[in-house]
C-alpha atoms as a PDB file:
ATOM      1  CA  MET A   1      -7.358   2.485   1.907  1.00  0.00           C
ATOM      2  CA  CYS A   2      -6.303   1.696  -1.697  1.00  0.00           C
ATOM      3  CA  PRO A   3      -9.115   2.047  -4.481  1.00  0.00           C
ATOM      4  CA  GLY A   4     -10.493  -0.879  -5.229  1.00  0.00           C
ATOM      5  CA  GLU A   5     -10.105  -2.476  -1.612  1.00  0.00           C
ATOM      6  CA  ASP A   6     -13.568  -2.998  -0.467  1.00  0.00           C
ATOM      7  CA  GLU A   7     -14.236  -4.881  -3.751  1.00  0.00           C
ATOM      8  CA  LEU A   8     -11.164  -7.169  -3.113  1.00  0.00           C
ATOM      9  CA  SER A   9     -11.948  -7.705   0.556  1.00  0.00           C
ATOM     10  CA  GLY A  10     -14.764 -10.184  -0.288  1.00  0.00           C
ATOM     11  CA  GLY A  11     -13.640 -12.602  -3.203  1.00  0.00           C
ATOM     12  CA  VAL A  12     -11.211 -14.396  -4.625  1.00  0.00           C
ATOM     13  CA  ARG A  13      -8.418 -11.275  -5.900  1.00  0.00           C
ATOM     14  CA  SER A  14      -7.449 -11.173  -9.587  1.00  0.00           C
ATOM     15  CA  ASP A  15      -4.211 -10.504 -10.638  1.00  0.00           C
ATOM     16  CA  ALA A  16      -4.803  -6.924 -11.030  1.00  0.00           C
ATOM     17  CA  GLY A  17      -5.868  -6.572  -7.404  1.00  0.00           C
ATOM     18  CA  LEU A  18      -2.919  -8.592  -6.053  1.00  0.00           C
ATOM     19  CA  LEU A  19      -0.535  -6.115  -7.910  1.00  0.00           C
ATOM     20  CA  GLU A  20      -2.734  -2.947  -6.979  1.00  0.00           C
ATOM     21  CA  GLU A  21      -2.583  -4.204  -3.237  1.00  0.00           C
ATOM     22  CA  LEU A  22       1.324  -4.971  -3.240  1.00  0.00           C
ATOM     23  CA  TRP A  23       1.966  -1.162  -4.961  1.00  0.00           C
ATOM     24  CA  CYS A  24      -0.267   0.295  -1.939  1.00  0.00           C
ATOM     25  CA  GLU A  25       1.708  -1.637   0.583  1.00  0.00           C
ATOM     26  CA  LEU A  26       5.250  -0.601  -1.458  1.00  0.00           C
ATOM     27  CA  ALA A  27       3.840   2.945  -1.451  1.00  0.00           C
ATOM     28  CA  ARG A  28       2.572   3.196   2.522  1.00  0.00           C
ATOM     29  CA  ASP A  29       6.221   1.570   3.156  1.00  0.00           C
ATOM     30  CA  ARG A  30       8.065   3.757   1.168  1.00  0.00           C
ATOM     31  CA  PHE A  31       6.105   6.683   2.786  1.00  0.00           C
ATOM     32  CA  ASP A  32       6.748   5.629   6.592  1.00  0.00           C
ATOM     33  CA  PHE A  33      10.450   5.103   5.881  1.00  0.00           C
ATOM     34  CA  THR A  34      10.428   8.860   4.498  1.00  0.00           C
ATOM     35  CA  GLY A  35       8.673  10.009   7.398  1.00  0.00           C
ATOM     36  CA  GLU A  36      11.277   8.129   9.760  1.00  0.00           C
ATOM     37  CA  LEU A  37      14.364   9.587   7.881  1.00  0.00           C
ATOM     38  CA  ALA A  38      13.045  12.796   8.193  1.00  0.00           C
ATOM     39  CA  LEU A  39      12.311  12.902  12.086  1.00  0.00           C
ATOM     40  CA  LEU A  40      15.706  11.355  12.749  1.00  0.00           C
ATOM     41  CA  GLY A  41      17.630  14.091  10.202  1.00  0.00           C
ATOM     42  CA  GLY A  42      16.011  16.831  12.334  1.00  0.00           C
END
Protein backbone atom coordinates (compact mmCIF):
# COMPACT_ATOMS: atom_id res chain seq x y z
CA MET A 1 0.00 0.00 0.00
CA CYS A 2 1.32 3.42 -0.93
CA PRO A 3 1.29 6.32 1.51
CA GLY A 4 -2.11 7.98 1.63
CA GLU A 5 -4.09 5.18 0.00
CA ASP A 6 -6.12 4.59 3.14
CA GLU A 7 -7.02 8.30 3.22
CA LEU A 8 -8.15 8.30 -0.41
CA SER A 9 -10.29 5.17 -0.37
CA GLY A 10 -13.28 6.73 1.38
CA GLY A 11 -13.74 10.10 -0.29
CA VAL A 12 -13.24 12.16 -3.40
CA ARG A 13 -9.68 11.98 -4.65
CA SER A 14 -7.68 15.15 -5.02
CA ASP A 15 -5.39 15.68 -8.00
CA ALA A 16 -2.38 15.09 -5.78
CA GLY A 17 -3.86 11.83 -4.51
CA LEU A 18 -4.67 10.68 -8.03
CA LEU A 19 -1.14 11.46 -9.22
CA GLU A 20 0.28 9.61 -6.23
CA GLU A 21 -1.87 6.58 -7.00
CA LEU A 22 -0.81 6.58 -10.66
CA TRP A 23 2.85 6.90 -9.64
CA CYS A 24 2.47 3.95 -7.26
CA GLU A 25 0.90 1.84 -10.00
CA LEU A 26 3.67 2.72 -12.43
CA ALA A 27 6.34 1.90 -9.87
CA ARG A 28 4.66 -1.42 -9.10
CA ASP A 29 4.33 -2.30 -12.80
CA ARG A 30 7.95 -1.38 -13.43
CA PHE A 31 9.06 -3.57 -10.52
CA ASP A 32 6.99 -6.49 -11.85
CA PHE A 33 8.44 -6.04 -15.34
CA THR A 34 11.99 -5.93 -13.98
CA GLY A 35 11.36 -9.04 -11.93
CA GLU A 36 10.00 -10.90 -14.95
CA LEU A 37 13.05 -9.92 -17.01
CA ALA A 38 15.33 -11.15 -14.25
CA LEU A 39 13.50 -14.51 -14.12
CA LEU A 40 13.51 -14.91 -17.90
CA GLY A 41 17.11 -13.79 -18.20
CA GLY A 42 18.49 -16.39 -15.91
